Amino acid sequence: MKFIHAADIHLGNPFIGLDQTLPNGLKKLVQQSTLTAFKDLISSSISEKIDFLVISGDLYNATQNSPQIQESVNQQFERLNRADIVVFLSFGNHDFEANKQSHLAWTKNVHVFEQSVETKYLTLKTGEKIALTGFSYQTQRQTKKVINDFPVKTETTDYHIGLYPV
């Protein structure tokens, strides 16, 4: 089993304040930095031939995102789809309702955790059975204690990964 775990990508972060003190040439580089890093993450996922990618909280910097950012995300997830790499995605305190807003359809390889604890299953090409349990934030401040909703690993899976977005 080979996977990458990422969090706090914050696509669409405007870097308010910082952009006022930077020279123009550097300003654009900083403003594009999260998207550049995300594209590099996808490229690394493909070159490393991982089985799946986990993004556990704050893919986006806000609950609503520009069509350009959504299109970029879909293009990158489609690259993973073509490489037969599955994505498990949960939303955190910055993008807590991103999946409830108008959004482009997710590519078929993307599995989004809802706002209650749930378990998703994946069988790898090697035959290993993986369970991933997680959730997306319900509000900006997660006040409901959900850790007790996480199940214990069963004998039907080889690995059980718990995802708690931040």
C-alpha atoms as a PDB file:
ATOM      1  CA  MET A   1       0.000   0.000   0.000  1.00  0.00           C
ATOM      2  CA  LYS A   2       1.297   3.404  -0.966  1.00  0.00           C
ATOM      3  CA  PHE A   3      -0.539   6.662  -0.336  1.00  0.00           C
ATOM      4  CA  ILE A   4      -0.009  10.347   0.305  1.00  0.00           C
ATOM      5  CA  HIS A   5      -1.779  12.288   3.047  1.00  0.00           C
ATOM      6  CA  ALA A   6      -2.150  16.044   2.566  1.00  0.00           C
ATOM      7  CA  ALA A   7      -4.072  18.757   4.387  1.00  0.00           C
ATOM      8  CA  ASP A   8      -4.311  22.530   4.626  1.00  0.00           C
ATOM      9  CA  ILE A   9      -3.716  23.182   0.926  1.00  0.00           C
ATOM     10  CA  HIS A  10      -5.894  26.345   1.042  1.00  0.00           C
ATOM     11  CA  LEU A  11      -6.462  26.855  -2.679  1.00  0.00           C
ATOM     12  CA  GLY A  12      -7.676  30.390  -3.336  1.00  0.00           C
ATOM     13  CA  ASN A  13      -5.836  31.945  -0.404  1.00  0.00           C
ATOM     14  CA  PRO A  14      -5.576  35.641  -1.337  1.00  0.00           C
ATOM     15  CA  PHE A  15      -2.645  36.284   1.049  1.00  0.00           C
ATOM     16  CA  ILE A  16      -4.283  39.534   2.155  1.00  0.00           C
ATOM     17  CA  GLY A  17      -1.737  41.971   3.566  1.00  0.00           C
ATOM     18  CA  LEU A  18       1.270  40.052   2.334  1.00  0.00           C
ATOM     19  CA  ASP A  19       0.565  41.000  -1.282  1.00  0.00           C
ATOM     20  CA  GLN A  20       0.836  44.712  -0.419  1.00  0.00           C
ATOM     21  CA  THR A  21       4.466  44.474   0.648  1.00  0.00           C
ATOM     22  CA  LEU A  22       5.827  42.311  -2.158  1.00  0.00           C
ATOM     23  CA  PRO A  23       7.362  43.446  -5.436  1.00  0.00           C
ATOM     24  CA  ASN A  24       5.011  42.835  -8.384  1.00  0.00           C
ATOM     25  CA  GLY A  25       7.086  39.961  -9.791  1.00  0.00           C
ATOM     26  CA  LEU A  26       7.024  38.101  -6.499  1.00  0.00           C
ATOM     27  CA  LYS A  27       3.386  38.987  -5.736  1.00  0.00           C
ATOM     28  CA  LYS A  28       2.027  36.859  -8.601  1.00  0.00           C
ATOM     29  CA  LEU A  29       4.290  33.955  -7.616  1.00  0.00           C
ATOM     30  CA  VAL A  30       2.988  34.050  -4.036  1.00  0.00           C
ATOM     31  CA  GLN A  31      -0.639  34.360  -5.153  1.00  0.00           C
ATOM     32  CA  GLN A  32      -0.227  31.250  -7.342  1.00  0.00           C
ATOM     33  CA  SER A  33       1.815  29.308  -4.767  1.00  0.00           C
ATOM     34  CA  THR A  34      -0.981  27.139  -3.371  1.00  0.00           C
ATOM     35  CA  LEU A  35      -2.114  26.081  -6.843  1.00  0.00           C
ATOM     36  CA  THR A  36       1.491  25.413  -7.874  1.00  0.00           C
ATOM     37  CA  ALA A  37       2.044  23.269  -4.775  1.00  0.00           C
ATOM     38  CA  PHE A  38      -1.224  21.397  -5.436  1.00  0.00           C
ATOM     39  CA  LYS A  39      -0.178  20.625  -9.020  1.00  0.00           C
ATOM     40  CA  ASP A  40       3.197  19.425  -7.714  1.00  0.00           C
ATOM     41  CA  LEU A  41       1.375  17.174  -5.203  1.00  0.00           C
ATOM     42  CA  ILE A  42      -0.620  15.619  -8.041  1.00  0.00           C
ATOM     43  CA  SER A  43       2.511  15.163 -10.171  1.00  0.00           C
ATOM     44  CA  SER A  44       4.303  13.489  -7.254  1.00  0.00           C
ATOM     45  CA  SER A  45       1.295  11.229  -6.662  1.00  0.00           C
ATOM     46  CA  ILE A  46       1.474  10.081 -10.272  1.00  0.00           C
ATOM     47  CA  SER A  47       5.252   9.708 -10.465  1.00  0.00           C
ATOM     48  CA  GLU A  48       5.336   7.787  -7.169  1.00  0.00           C
ATOM     49  CA  LYS A  49       2.514   5.526  -8.417  1.00  0.00           C
ATOM     50  CA  ILE A  50       0.556   5.779  -5.192  1.00  0.00           C
ATOM     51  CA  ASP A  51      -2.644   3.796  -4.674  1.00  0.00           C
ATOM     52  CA  PHE A  52      -4.633   6.690  -3.240  1.00  0.00           C
ATOM     53  CA  LEU A  53      -4.439  10.308  -2.118  1.00  0.00           C
ATOM     54  CA  VAL A  54      -6.003  11.530   1.119  1.00  0.00           C
ATOM     55  CA  ILE A  55      -6.822  15.231   1.516  1.00  0.00           C
ATOM     56  CA  SER A  56      -8.037  15.695   5.051  1.00  0.00           C
ATOM     57  CA  GLY A  57      -9.329  19.226   5.488  1.00  0.00           C
ATOM     58  CA  ASP A  58      -8.974  22.617   3.854  1.00  0.00           C
ATOM     59  CA  LEU A  59      -8.403  21.822   0.199  1.00  0.00           C
ATOM     60  CA  TYR A  60      -9.927  25.255  -0.337  1.00  0.00           C
ATOM     61  CA  ASN A  61      -9.362  28.438   1.632  1.00  0.00           C
ATOM     62  CA  ALA A  62     -13.109  29.172   1.784  1.00  0.00           C
ATOM     63  CA  THR A  63     -16.468  27.454   1.343  1.00  0.00           C
ATOM     64  CA  GLN A  64     -17.076  29.172  -2.013  1.00  0.00           C
ATOM     65  CA  ASN A  65     -14.485  29.108  -4.751  1.00  0.00           C
ATOM     66  CA  SER A  66     -13.997  30.667  -8.133  1.00  0.00           C
ATOM     67  CA  PRO A  67     -14.825  28.654 -11.241  1.00  0.00           C
ATOM     68  CA  GLN A  68     -11.132  28.885 -12.185  1.00  0.00           C
ATOM     69  CA  ILE A  69     -10.024  27.171  -8.979  1.00  0.00           C
ATOM     70  CA  GLN A  70     -12.718  24.519  -9.313  1.00  0.00           C
ATOM     71  CA  GLU A  71     -11.667  23.864 -12.906  1.00  0.00           C
ATOM     72  CA  SER A  72      -8.013  23.560 -11.852  1.00  0.00           C
ATOM     73  CA  VAL A  73      -8.949  21.095  -9.113  1.00  0.00           C
ATOM     74  CA  ASN A  74     -11.024  19.027 -11.531  1.00  0.00           C
ATOM     75  CA  GLN A  75      -8.198  18.992 -14.089  1.00  0.00           C
ATOM     76  CA  GLN A  76      -5.752  17.748 -11.468  1.00  0.00           C
ATOM     77  CA  PHE A  77      -8.155  15.116 -10.137  1.00  0.00           C
ATOM     78  CA  GLU A  78      -8.736  13.965 -13.717  1.00  0.00           C
ATOM     79  CA  ARG A  79      -4.969  13.493 -14.072  1.00  0.00           C
ATOM     80  CA  LEU A  80      -5.162  11.202 -11.047  1.00  0.00           C
ATOM     81  CA  ASN A  81      -8.196   9.446 -12.520  1.00  0.00           C
ATOM     82  CA  ARG A  82      -6.275   8.688 -15.725  1.00  0.00           C
ATOM     83  CA  ALA A  83      -3.447   7.286 -13.564  1.00  0.00           C
ATOM     84  CA  ASP A  84      -6.005   5.115 -11.692  1.00  0.00           C
ATOM     85  CA  ILE A  85      -5.400   6.908  -8.380  1.00  0.00           C
ATOM     86  CA  VAL A  86      -8.317   7.310  -5.974  1.00  0.00           C
ATOM     87  CA  VAL A  87      -8.861  10.501  -3.934  1.00  0.00           C
ATOM     88  CA  PHE A  88     -10.455  10.606  -0.473  1.00  0.00           C
ATOM     89  CA  LEU A  89     -11.457  14.150   0.422  1.00  0.00           C
ATOM     90  CA  SER A  90     -12.824  15.759   3.568  1.00  0.00           C
ATOM     91  CA  PHE A  91     -13.474  19.413   4.251  1.00  0.00           C
ATOM     92  CA  GLY A  92     -12.138  21.256   7.305  1.00  0.00           C
ATOM     93  CA  ASN A  93     -12.769  24.490   9.164  1.00  0.00           C
ATOM     94  CA  HIS A  94     -11.999  26.786   6.203  1.00  0.00           C
ATOM     95  CA  ASP A  95     -13.932  24.944   3.482  1.00  0.00           C
ATOM     96  CA  PHE A  96     -16.532  23.258   5.730  1.00  0.00           C
ATOM     97  CA  GLU A  97     -19.457  23.650   3.314  1.00  0.00           C
ATOM     98  CA  ALA A  98     -17.548  23.544   0.024  1.00  0.00           C
ATOM     99  CA  ASN A  99     -19.394  20.425  -1.103  1.00  0.00           C
ATOM    100  CA  LYS A 100     -22.761  22.044  -0.331  1.00  0.00           C
ATOM    101  CA  GLN A 101     -22.080  25.091  -2.554  1.00  0.00           C
ATOM    102  CA  SER A 102     -22.377  25.217  -6.341  1.00  0.00           C
ATOM    103  CA  HIS A 103     -19.431  23.209  -7.530  1.00  0.00           C
ATOM    104  CA  LEU A 104     -18.287  21.377 -10.621  1.00  0.00           C
ATOM    105  CA  ALA A 105     -19.000  17.661 -10.489  1.00  0.00           C
ATOM    106  CA  TRP A 106     -16.216  15.617  -8.945  1.00  0.00           C
ATOM    107  CA  THR A 107     -14.348  13.208 -11.174  1.00  0.00           C
ATOM    108  CA  LYS A 108     -15.308   9.543 -10.653  1.00  0.00           C
ATOM    109  CA  ASN A 109     -12.172   8.767  -8.629  1.00  0.00           C
ATOM    110  CA  VAL A 110     -13.010  11.331  -5.907  1.00  0.00           C
ATOM    111  CA  HIS A 111     -14.783  10.158  -2.754  1.00  0.00           C
ATOM    112  CA  VAL A 112     -15.975  12.973  -0.489  1.00  0.00           C
ATOM    113  CA  PHE A 113     -16.641  12.378   3.189  1.00  0.00           C
ATOM    114  CA  GLU A 114     -19.988  13.787   4.300  1.00  0.00           C
ATOM    115  CA  GLN A 115     -20.568  15.805   7.470  1.00  0.00           C
ATOM    116  CA  SER A 116     -21.069  12.755   9.635  1.00  0.00           C
ATOM    117  CA  VAL A 117     -18.538  10.016  10.304  1.00  0.00           C
ATOM    118  CA  GLU A 118     -18.558   7.382   7.579  1.00  0.00           C
ATOM    119  CA  THR A 119     -16.312   4.606   6.324  1.00  0.00           C
ATOM    120  CA  LYS A 120     -15.263   4.132   2.719  1.00  0.00           C
ATOM    121  CA  TYR A 121     -13.610   0.997   1.388  1.00  0.00           C
ATOM    122  CA  LEU A 122     -10.972   0.361  -1.241  1.00  0.00           C
ATOM    123  CA  THR A 123      -9.458  -2.873  -2.518  1.00  0.00           C
ATOM    124  CA  LEU A 124      -6.006  -2.361  -3.973  1.00  0.00           C
ATOM    125  CA  LYS A 125      -4.600  -4.124  -7.036  1.00  0.00           C
ATOM    126  CA  THR A 126      -2.570  -6.232  -4.595  1.00  0.00           C
ATOM    127  CA  GLY A 127      -5.815  -7.458  -3.029  1.00  0.00           C
ATOM    128  CA  GLU A 128      -5.282  -5.550   0.218  1.00  0.00           C
ATOM    129  CA  LYS A 129      -8.508  -4.251   1.704  1.00  0.00           C
ATOM    130  CA  ILE A 130      -8.418  -0.711   3.078  1.00  0.00           C
ATOM    131  CA  ALA A 131     -11.038   1.079   5.160  1.00  0.00           C
ATOM    132  CA  LEU A 132     -10.915   4.859   5.617  1.00  0.00           C
ATOM    133  CA  THR A 133     -13.131   6.497   8.207  1.00  0.00           C
ATOM    134  CA  GLY A 134     -13.595  10.248   8.286  1.00  0.00           C
ATOM    135  CA  PHE A 135     -15.962  13.196   8.053  1.00  0.00           C
ATOM    136  CA  SER A 136     -16.142  16.787   6.878  1.00  0.00           C
ATOM    137  CA  TYR A 137     -16.675  19.680   9.261  1.00  0.00           C
ATOM    138  CA  GLN A 138     -20.318  20.684   9.778  1.00  0.00           C
ATOM    139  CA  THR A 139     -19.476  24.275  10.671  1.00  0.00           C
ATOM    140  CA  GLN A 140     -16.377  26.427  10.894  1.00  0.00           C
ATOM    141  CA  ARG A 141     -15.926  25.300  14.476  1.00  0.00           C
ATOM    142  CA  GLN A 142     -16.303  21.576  14.996  1.00  0.00           C
ATOM    143  CA  THR A 143     -17.896  21.414  18.427  1.00  0.00           C
ATOM    144  CA  LYS A 144     -19.602  18.032  18.174  1.00  0.00           C
ATOM    145  CA  LYS A 145     -17.396  15.276  19.567  1.00  0.00           C
ATOM    146  CA  VAL A 146     -17.245  12.616  16.841  1.00  0.00           C
ATOM    147  CA  ILE A 147     -14.279  10.489  17.872  1.00  0.00           C
ATOM    148  CA  ASN A 148     -16.602   7.950  19.492  1.00  0.00           C
ATOM    149  CA  ASP A 149     -18.328   7.493  16.107  1.00  0.00           C
ATOM    150  CA  PHE A 150     -15.143   6.047  14.611  1.00  0.00           C
ATOM    151  CA  PRO A 151     -15.364   2.250  14.366  1.00  0.00           C
ATOM    152  CA  VAL A 152     -12.755  -0.233  15.491  1.00  0.00           C
ATOM    153  CA  LYS A 153     -10.830  -2.068  12.779  1.00  0.00           C
ATOM    154  CA  THR A 154     -12.453  -5.343  11.816  1.00  0.00           C
ATOM    155  CA  GLU A 155     -10.894  -8.538  10.504  1.00  0.00           C
ATOM    156  CA  THR A 156     -12.427  -7.906   7.064  1.00  0.00           C
ATOM    157  CA  THR A 157      -9.874  -5.191   6.276  1.00  0.00           C
ATOM    158  CA  ASP A 158      -6.105  -5.279   6.228  1.00  0.00           C
ATOM    159  CA  TYR A 159      -5.756  -1.608   7.205  1.00  0.00           C
ATOM    160  CA  HIS A 160      -8.148   0.921   8.718  1.00  0.00           C
ATOM    161  CA  ILE A 161      -7.154   4.572   8.492  1.00  0.00           C
ATOM    162  CA  GLY A 162      -8.886   7.260  10.569  1.00  0.00           C
ATOM    163  CA  LEU A 163      -9.069  10.775   9.150  1.00  0.00           C
ATOM    164  CA  TYR A 164      -9.782  13.732  11.422  1.00  0.00           C
ATOM    165  CA  PRO A 165      -9.643  16.993   9.428  1.00  0.00           C
ATOM    166  CA  VAL A 166      -8.272  20.135  11.007  1.00  0.00           C
END
